[in-house]
Amino acid sequence: MKPANSKLYCPLLIIRLTPPGRGAVAALLLHGENVLDVFHRHFSKRIEPDETRHHFGTFQLEHLNRTEQLVVYCPNRNEVELHCHGGEIIVAEIEAVLIRDGAVPVPWQEFFCRGNSQRNIALRQLPFAPTERTAQILLAQYNGALERELSYINSLQDETEKEYRRKRLEENVPIGKHLIEPFRVVLAGASNAGKSSLLNAVAGFQRSIVHQTPGTTRDVVSFQTAINGFPFEFSDTAGFRLNEVDCANPASPIEQEGIKRTGAMLTESDLILWLIDATLSAQEQLMPPVEFLSKTLLCFNKIDLLSDCESLNSVSVSAATGEGIEALLETVLGQLIPHPPEPDEAVPLHY
């Protein structure tokens, strides 16, 4: 099957095999018809295809008026691998020289990972896996975990076992969406409930500004971390006012915009941590919007200010002392990933 992208029909392609940026070594692949004819215009020696050896020589960089030492590998007449110093200027100039000779730059994902099979999706995502655990899961999908599981399910005669394994695949669908993109946990609630303090406590450093004045947080502040090997993003948002009429300092237009953005974040989140000031009476406490209850975890904060916390029947923390933070993170993990997959288990991927 021919690739959908017309660029891949061009006789000569150049593909970066290493990520952009500073590095010790960079690698480029020159691929296509007559690749050696073009390459020999700039390389100091003529080479022939040989899978068993590498070649050393210099590449002429006309615009820089200098040469660059290369290690070259040419396994066949359609491919030449170029290995050079990893500085961005050198790599860009080598690309520019070859582009002037007709080579077309193509992203490595487009060249190696065309199509949306589980194998190709896994290969596209693997370089961006943020943790070792998610990389292991992606590698299992690259090696055919889902295909093997589907084949096994189809071979089963026991309908109960079939149904169990199908449900297990369904449980893993949300995980397949978050192997490189983090689960989004939004901290929301009334102003001064302690959202910014809790974000800082989870992060381990002062990511958000904390102040007793209502409305200090005007925009969404986020940080990313990993819990049990899975990526998470925690976001601090502008607080909702308990009673706007009674506030000495009503919400400014900027704060109102922050509250509007909070609403958008709630819609896009995977889980909402709704913070409640545990020192307030039930009548004073602000409850979450009804439309978000299905993905909301109530979190009572400031338990360090209470003499008796036994009556609290929800997740309870003290952002000030750190009490309950570890238990909170375990609860968050259990809410979003109740049954984590094994490293070699089938996990449907999404593109």
Protein backbone atom coordinates (compact mmCIF):
# COMPACT_ATOMS: atom_id res chain seq x y z
CA MET A 1 0.00 0.00 0.00
CA LYS A 2 1.35 3.43 -0.94
CA PRO A 3 1.58 6.05 1.81
CA ALA A 4 -1.16 8.67 1.87
CA ASN A 5 1.22 11.60 2.08
CA SER A 6 2.44 12.64 -1.35
CA LYS A 7 5.80 13.79 0.08
CA LEU A 8 6.77 10.16 0.52
CA TYR A 9 6.63 9.69 -3.26
CA CYS A 10 9.57 12.06 -3.69
CA PRO A 11 12.75 10.34 -4.86
CA LEU A 12 14.85 11.67 -1.97
CA LEU A 13 13.85 12.11 1.67
CA ILE A 14 15.77 13.32 4.71
CA ILE A 15 14.62 12.19 8.16
CA ARG A 16 15.97 13.23 11.56
CA LEU A 17 16.53 10.13 13.67
CA THR A 18 17.43 12.04 16.83
CA PRO A 19 15.37 14.77 18.52
CA PRO A 20 16.16 18.44 17.86
CA GLY A 21 18.29 20.34 20.34
CA ARG A 22 21.81 20.10 21.70
CA GLY A 23 23.31 16.62 21.98
CA ALA A 24 26.60 14.78 21.68
CA VAL A 25 25.64 13.04 18.43
CA ALA A 26 22.87 13.55 15.89
CA ALA A 27 21.70 11.11 13.24
CA LEU A 28 20.02 11.72 9.89
CA LEU A 29 18.68 9.27 7.32
CA LEU A 30 18.90 10.03 3.63
CA HIS A 31 16.49 7.75 1.78
CA GLY A 32 15.45 7.38 -1.84
CA GLU A 33 16.51 6.75 -5.39
CA ASN A 34 20.01 7.79 -6.42
CA VAL A 35 20.81 8.61 -2.80
CA LEU A 36 24.53 8.02 -3.26
CA ASP A 37 24.71 10.31 -6.30
CA VAL A 38 23.48 13.22 -4.21
CA PHE A 39 25.49 12.29 -1.11
CA HIS A 40 28.78 12.00 -3.04
CA ARG A 41 28.52 15.63 -4.16
CA HIS A 42 29.34 16.71 -0.59
CA PHE A 43 31.21 13.79 1.00
CA SER A 44 35.00 13.51 0.87
CA LYS A 45 35.09 9.91 -0.38
CA ARG A 46 33.05 7.54 -2.48
CA ILE A 47 31.36 4.69 -0.64
CA GLU A 48 29.56 1.53 -1.66
CA PRO A 49 26.69 -0.20 0.16
CA ASP A 50 27.98 -2.53 2.87
CA GLU A 51 26.01 -3.77 5.87
CA THR A 52 29.16 -4.71 7.75
CA ARG A 53 31.10 -1.47 7.91
CA HIS A 54 30.96 2.24 8.68
CA HIS A 55 32.75 4.96 6.76
CA PHE A 56 34.55 8.04 8.05
CA GLY A 57 34.91 11.26 6.08
CA THR A 58 34.04 14.94 5.88
CA PHE A 59 30.90 16.68 4.63
CA GLN A 60 31.19 20.09 2.97
CA LEU A 61 29.06 22.83 4.56
CA GLU A 62 29.14 25.58 1.96
CA HIS A 63 27.34 28.32 3.89
CA LEU A 64 29.54 27.84 6.96
CA ASN A 65 32.68 27.56 4.82
CA ARG A 66 33.85 24.50 6.71
CA THR A 67 33.61 20.73 6.74
CA GLU A 68 31.99 18.43 9.28
CA GLN A 69 33.31 15.00 10.20
CA LEU A 70 30.75 12.25 9.67
CA VAL A 71 30.37 8.58 10.44
CA VAL A 72 28.35 7.09 7.59
CA TYR A 73 26.50 3.80 7.29
CA CYS A 74 25.15 2.69 3.92
CA PRO A 75 23.39 -0.70 4.13
CA ASN A 76 21.89 -0.49 0.63
CA ARG A 77 21.66 1.80 -2.40
CA ASN A 78 18.54 3.53 -1.09
CA GLU A 79 19.72 4.52 2.38
CA VAL A 80 22.57 6.48 3.93
CA GLU A 81 22.75 7.17 7.68
CA LEU A 82 24.71 10.27 8.66
CA HIS A 83 26.09 10.60 12.21
CA CYS A 84 27.52 14.01 13.14
CA HIS A 85 28.08 16.29 16.13
CA GLY A 86 24.77 17.05 17.81
CA GLY A 87 24.76 20.85 17.65
CA GLU A 88 21.61 22.26 16.07
CA ILE A 89 23.53 24.56 13.70
CA ILE A 90 25.51 21.69 12.19
CA VAL A 91 22.47 19.43 11.79
CA ALA A 92 20.40 22.23 10.25
CA GLU A 93 23.17 23.07 7.77
CA ILE A 94 23.57 19.45 6.66
CA GLU A 95 19.82 19.32 6.12
CA ALA A 96 19.91 22.62 4.21
CA VAL A 97 22.67 21.36 1.89
CA LEU A 98 20.72 18.22 1.05
CA ILE A 99 17.42 20.09 0.71
CA ARG A 100 19.06 22.39 -1.86
CA ASP A 101 19.88 19.20 -3.78
CA GLY A 102 16.23 18.17 -3.80
CA ALA A 103 15.78 16.21 -0.55
CA VAL A 104 12.43 16.63 1.19
CA PRO A 105 12.41 16.70 5.03
CA VAL A 106 9.93 14.25 6.55
CA PRO A 107 9.21 13.72 10.29
CA TRP A 108 10.38 10.34 11.53
CA GLN A 109 6.84 9.49 12.70
CA GLU A 110 5.53 10.02 9.20
CA PHE A 111 8.27 7.90 7.67
CA PHE A 112 8.35 4.97 10.11
CA CYS A 113 4.87 4.95 11.67
CA ARG A 114 2.36 5.42 8.89
CA GLY A 115 -1.07 4.00 9.61
CA ASN A 116 -3.12 3.63 12.77
CA SER A 117 -2.52 0.04 13.75
CA GLN A 118 -1.83 -0.52 17.46
CA ARG A 119 1.79 -1.25 16.55
CA ASN A 120 2.26 2.04 14.70
CA ILE A 121 0.44 4.09 17.33
CA ALA A 122 2.66 2.56 20.02
CA LEU A 123 5.78 3.31 18.01
CA ARG A 124 4.73 6.96 17.57
CA GLN A 125 4.06 7.35 21.28
CA LEU A 126 7.00 5.41 22.73
CA PRO A 127 9.57 8.25 22.46
CA PHE A 128 7.23 10.48 24.48
CA ALA A 129 6.42 8.05 27.29
CA PRO A 130 6.94 10.09 30.48
CA THR A 131 7.61 7.13 32.78
CA GLU A 132 9.18 3.69 32.63
CA ARG A 133 5.83 2.09 33.41
CA THR A 134 3.97 3.73 30.53
CA ALA A 135 6.89 2.90 28.21
CA GLN A 136 6.58 -0.78 29.20
CA ILE A 137 2.85 -0.74 28.43
CA LEU A 138 3.45 0.91 25.05
CA LEU A 139 6.19 -1.57 24.23
CA ALA A 140 3.81 -4.43 24.99
CA GLN A 141 1.28 -2.96 22.53
CA TYR A 142 4.03 -2.56 19.93
CA ASN A 143 4.79 -6.26 20.39
CA GLY A 144 1.16 -7.24 19.76
CA ALA A 145 -0.44 -7.51 23.22
CA LEU A 146 -3.88 -6.32 22.04
CA GLU A 147 -3.91 -8.51 18.94
CA ARG A 148 -3.02 -11.57 21.02
CA GLU A 149 -5.71 -10.79 23.59
CA LEU A 150 -8.42 -10.32 20.94
CA SER A 151 -7.40 -13.57 19.27
CA TYR A 152 -7.54 -15.36 22.61
CA ILE A 153 -10.98 -13.92 23.42
CA ASN A 154 -12.31 -15.08 20.06
CA SER A 155 -11.01 -18.59 20.73
CA LEU A 156 -12.76 -18.91 24.10
CA GLN A 157 -15.82 -21.15 24.41
CA ASP A 158 -16.72 -19.99 27.92
CA GLU A 159 -18.98 -16.94 27.54
CA THR A 160 -18.39 -15.87 31.14
CA GLU A 161 -14.63 -15.75 30.59
CA LYS A 162 -15.15 -13.95 27.30
CA GLU A 163 -17.26 -11.28 28.96
CA TYR A 164 -14.75 -10.85 31.79
CA ARG A 165 -11.86 -10.28 29.37
CA ARG A 166 -13.90 -7.86 27.25
CA LYS A 167 -14.76 -5.83 30.32
CA ARG A 168 -11.09 -5.82 31.31
CA LEU A 169 -10.21 -4.33 27.92
CA GLU A 170 -12.90 -1.67 28.44
CA GLU A 171 -11.39 -0.83 31.85
CA ASN A 172 -8.04 -0.23 30.17
CA VAL A 173 -9.42 2.15 27.52
CA PRO A 174 -9.00 5.31 29.69
CA ILE A 175 -5.44 4.23 30.50
CA GLY A 176 -4.65 3.93 26.80
CA LYS A 177 -5.62 7.60 26.46
CA HIS A 178 -3.17 8.67 29.18
CA LEU A 179 0.08 6.84 28.51
CA ILE A 180 1.72 10.02 27.24
CA GLU A 181 -0.98 12.59 28.09
CA PRO A 182 -1.48 13.00 31.86
CA PHE A 183 -4.68 12.46 33.79
CA ARG A 184 -6.00 15.94 34.56
CA VAL A 185 -6.88 16.57 38.20
CA VAL A 186 -8.40 20.00 38.88
CA LEU A 187 -8.40 21.57 42.36
CA ALA A 188 -11.57 23.61 42.72
CA GLY A 189 -13.84 25.00 45.43
CA ALA A 190 -14.55 28.18 47.33
CA SER A 191 -12.02 30.99 47.63
CA ASN A 192 -9.60 30.44 50.50
CA ALA A 193 -10.45 26.74 50.82
CA GLY A 194 -6.73 26.05 50.47
CA LYS A 195 -6.42 25.00 46.82
CA SER A 196 -3.13 26.79 46.21
CA SER A 197 -1.67 25.49 49.47
CA LEU A 198 -2.70 21.94 48.56
CA LEU A 199 -1.17 22.23 45.09
CA ASN A 200 2.09 23.36 46.69
CA ALA A 201 1.94 20.50 49.19
CA VAL A 202 1.44 17.93 46.43
CA ALA A 203 4.15 19.51 44.26
CA GLY A 204 6.62 19.76 47.12
CA PHE A 205 7.45 23.38 46.30
CA GLN A 206 5.62 26.72 46.02
CA ARG A 207 4.01 26.47 42.59
CA SER A 208 1.06 28.75 43.43
CA ILE A 209 0.92 32.05 45.32
CA VAL A 210 -0.82 31.64 48.67
CA HIS A 211 -2.56 34.59 50.37
CA GLN A 212 -5.51 35.02 52.70
CA THR A 213 -7.14 37.56 50.37
CA PRO A 214 -9.95 35.91 48.34
CA GLY A 215 -9.29 35.83 44.61
CA THR A 216 -5.49 35.62 44.75
CA THR A 217 -5.47 32.88 42.08
CA ARG A 218 -6.53 34.55 38.83
CA ASP A 219 -5.43 31.94 36.27
CA VAL A 220 -4.94 28.19 36.05
CA VAL A 221 -1.60 27.07 37.51
CA SER A 222 -0.50 23.50 36.76
CA PHE A 223 2.31 21.05 37.35
CA GLN A 224 2.89 17.48 36.22
CA THR A 225 4.04 14.51 38.25
CA ALA A 226 3.78 10.71 38.29
CA ILE A 227 1.82 8.54 40.72
CA ASN A 228 2.69 4.86 40.74
CA GLY A 229 4.27 5.26 37.32
CA PHE A 230 1.35 7.02 35.62
CA PRO A 231 1.39 10.70 34.51
CA PHE A 232 -0.82 13.23 36.31
CA GLU A 233 -1.35 16.96 35.95
CA PHE A 234 -2.68 18.90 38.94
CA SER A 235 -4.17 22.33 38.31
CA ASP A 236 -4.97 25.11 40.79
CA THR A 237 -7.92 27.26 39.74
CA ALA A 238 -9.64 30.48 40.72
CA GLY A 239 -12.01 29.96 43.64
CA PHE A 240 -15.76 30.46 43.67
CA ARG A 241 -17.16 33.01 46.12
CA LEU A 242 -19.35 31.67 48.94
CA ASN A 243 -21.59 34.70 48.93
CA GLU A 244 -20.70 37.56 46.64
CA VAL A 245 -23.03 40.01 48.42
CA ASP A 246 -21.29 39.55 51.78
CA CYS A 247 -17.75 39.85 50.42
CA ALA A 248 -16.02 43.07 51.39
CA ASN A 249 -14.06 42.89 48.13
CA PRO A 250 -16.26 41.60 45.29
CA ALA A 251 -14.66 39.70 42.44
CA SER A 252 -12.83 41.93 39.97
CA PRO A 253 -13.24 41.47 36.20
CA ILE A 254 -9.89 39.64 36.16
CA GLU A 255 -11.03 37.29 38.93
CA GLN A 256 -14.33 36.75 37.14
CA GLU A 257 -12.38 35.70 34.03
CA GLY A 258 -10.40 33.31 36.23
CA ILE A 259 -13.63 31.77 37.51
CA LYS A 260 -14.84 31.42 33.92
CA ARG A 261 -11.65 29.54 33.06
CA THR A 262 -12.17 27.36 36.10
CA GLY A 263 -15.50 26.25 34.65
CA ALA A 264 -13.80 25.25 31.41
CA MET A 265 -11.17 23.29 33.33
CA LEU A 266 -13.86 21.42 35.28
CA THR A 267 -15.44 20.33 32.01
CA GLU A 268 -12.13 19.09 30.57
CA SER A 269 -10.87 17.39 33.75
CA ASP A 270 -10.66 13.68 34.47
CA LEU A 271 -11.15 14.23 38.19
CA ILE A 272 -12.17 17.23 40.30
CA LEU A 273 -10.76 17.62 43.80
CA TRP A 274 -13.37 19.86 45.39
CA LEU A 275 -11.80 21.48 48.43
CA ILE A 276 -13.92 22.36 51.45
CA ASP A 277 -12.71 24.34 54.46
CA ALA A 278 -13.29 21.82 57.26
CA THR A 279 -13.43 24.61 59.85
CA LEU A 280 -16.61 26.07 58.37
CA SER A 281 -20.10 24.97 59.35
CA ALA A 282 -22.14 22.87 56.94
CA GLN A 283 -24.21 25.95 56.04
CA GLU A 284 -21.06 27.90 55.10
CA GLN A 285 -19.47 25.17 53.00
CA LEU A 286 -19.74 25.45 49.21
CA MET A 287 -20.68 22.20 47.44
CA PRO A 288 -19.63 21.33 43.85
CA PRO A 289 -21.93 21.88 40.86
CA VAL A 290 -24.36 18.99 40.40
CA GLU A 291 -23.30 18.37 36.79
CA PHE A 292 -19.78 17.45 37.91
CA LEU A 293 -20.63 15.20 40.86
CA SER A 294 -19.89 11.97 38.94
CA LYS A 295 -16.20 12.90 38.65
CA THR A 296 -15.77 14.85 41.89
CA LEU A 297 -13.87 13.80 45.00
CA LEU A 298 -14.66 15.90 48.07
CA CYS A 299 -11.55 16.91 49.99
CA PHE A 300 -11.81 18.52 53.43
CA ASN A 301 -8.82 20.78 54.10
CA LYS A 302 -7.44 22.46 57.26
CA ILE A 303 -7.98 19.42 59.50
CA ASP A 304 -4.97 20.58 61.52
CA LEU A 305 -7.24 23.31 62.92
CA LEU A 306 -9.81 20.82 64.23
CA SER A 307 -9.57 19.03 67.55
CA ASP A 308 -11.67 16.07 66.37
CA CYS A 309 -11.60 14.80 62.78
CA GLU A 310 -13.35 11.50 63.34
CA SER A 311 -16.63 12.87 62.04
CA LEU A 312 -15.21 13.63 58.63
CA ASN A 313 -16.35 10.90 56.25
CA SER A 314 -14.45 12.02 53.17
CA VAL A 315 -10.83 12.51 52.14
CA SER A 316 -9.25 14.84 54.70
CA VAL A 317 -5.94 16.68 54.49
CA SER A 318 -3.95 19.50 55.92
CA ALA A 319 -2.18 21.42 53.20
CA ALA A 320 -0.33 23.32 55.94
CA THR A 321 1.21 20.26 57.67
CA GLY A 322 1.08 17.68 54.86
CA GLU A 323 -1.15 15.37 56.88
CA GLY A 324 -3.24 13.11 54.64
CA ILE A 325 -1.47 14.05 51.38
CA GLU A 326 -0.17 10.53 50.71
CA ALA A 327 -3.60 9.02 51.38
CA LEU A 328 -5.16 11.63 49.09
CA LEU A 329 -2.84 10.68 46.22
CA GLU A 330 -3.64 6.99 46.73
CA THR A 331 -7.34 7.84 46.57
CA VAL A 332 -6.84 9.90 43.39
CA LEU A 333 -5.00 6.97 41.82
CA GLY A 334 -7.76 4.57 42.85
CA GLN A 335 -10.42 6.84 41.38
CA LEU A 336 -8.80 7.08 37.96
CA ILE A 337 -6.89 3.78 37.74
CA PRO A 338 -8.68 1.32 40.05
CA HIS A 339 -7.02 -1.73 38.48
CA PRO A 340 -3.66 -0.81 36.88
CA PRO A 341 -2.65 -3.06 33.96
CA GLU A 342 0.30 -5.39 34.13
CA PRO A 343 3.29 -4.36 31.95
CA ASP A 344 2.48 -6.98 29.29
CA GLU A 345 -1.32 -6.60 29.41
CA ALA A 346 -3.42 -5.49 26.44
CA VAL A 347 -4.31 -1.78 26.53
CA PRO A 348 -6.22 -0.28 23.57
CA LEU A 349 -4.40 2.79 22.25
CA HIS A 350 -5.81 5.98 20.77
CA TYR A 351 -4.40 8.32 18.11
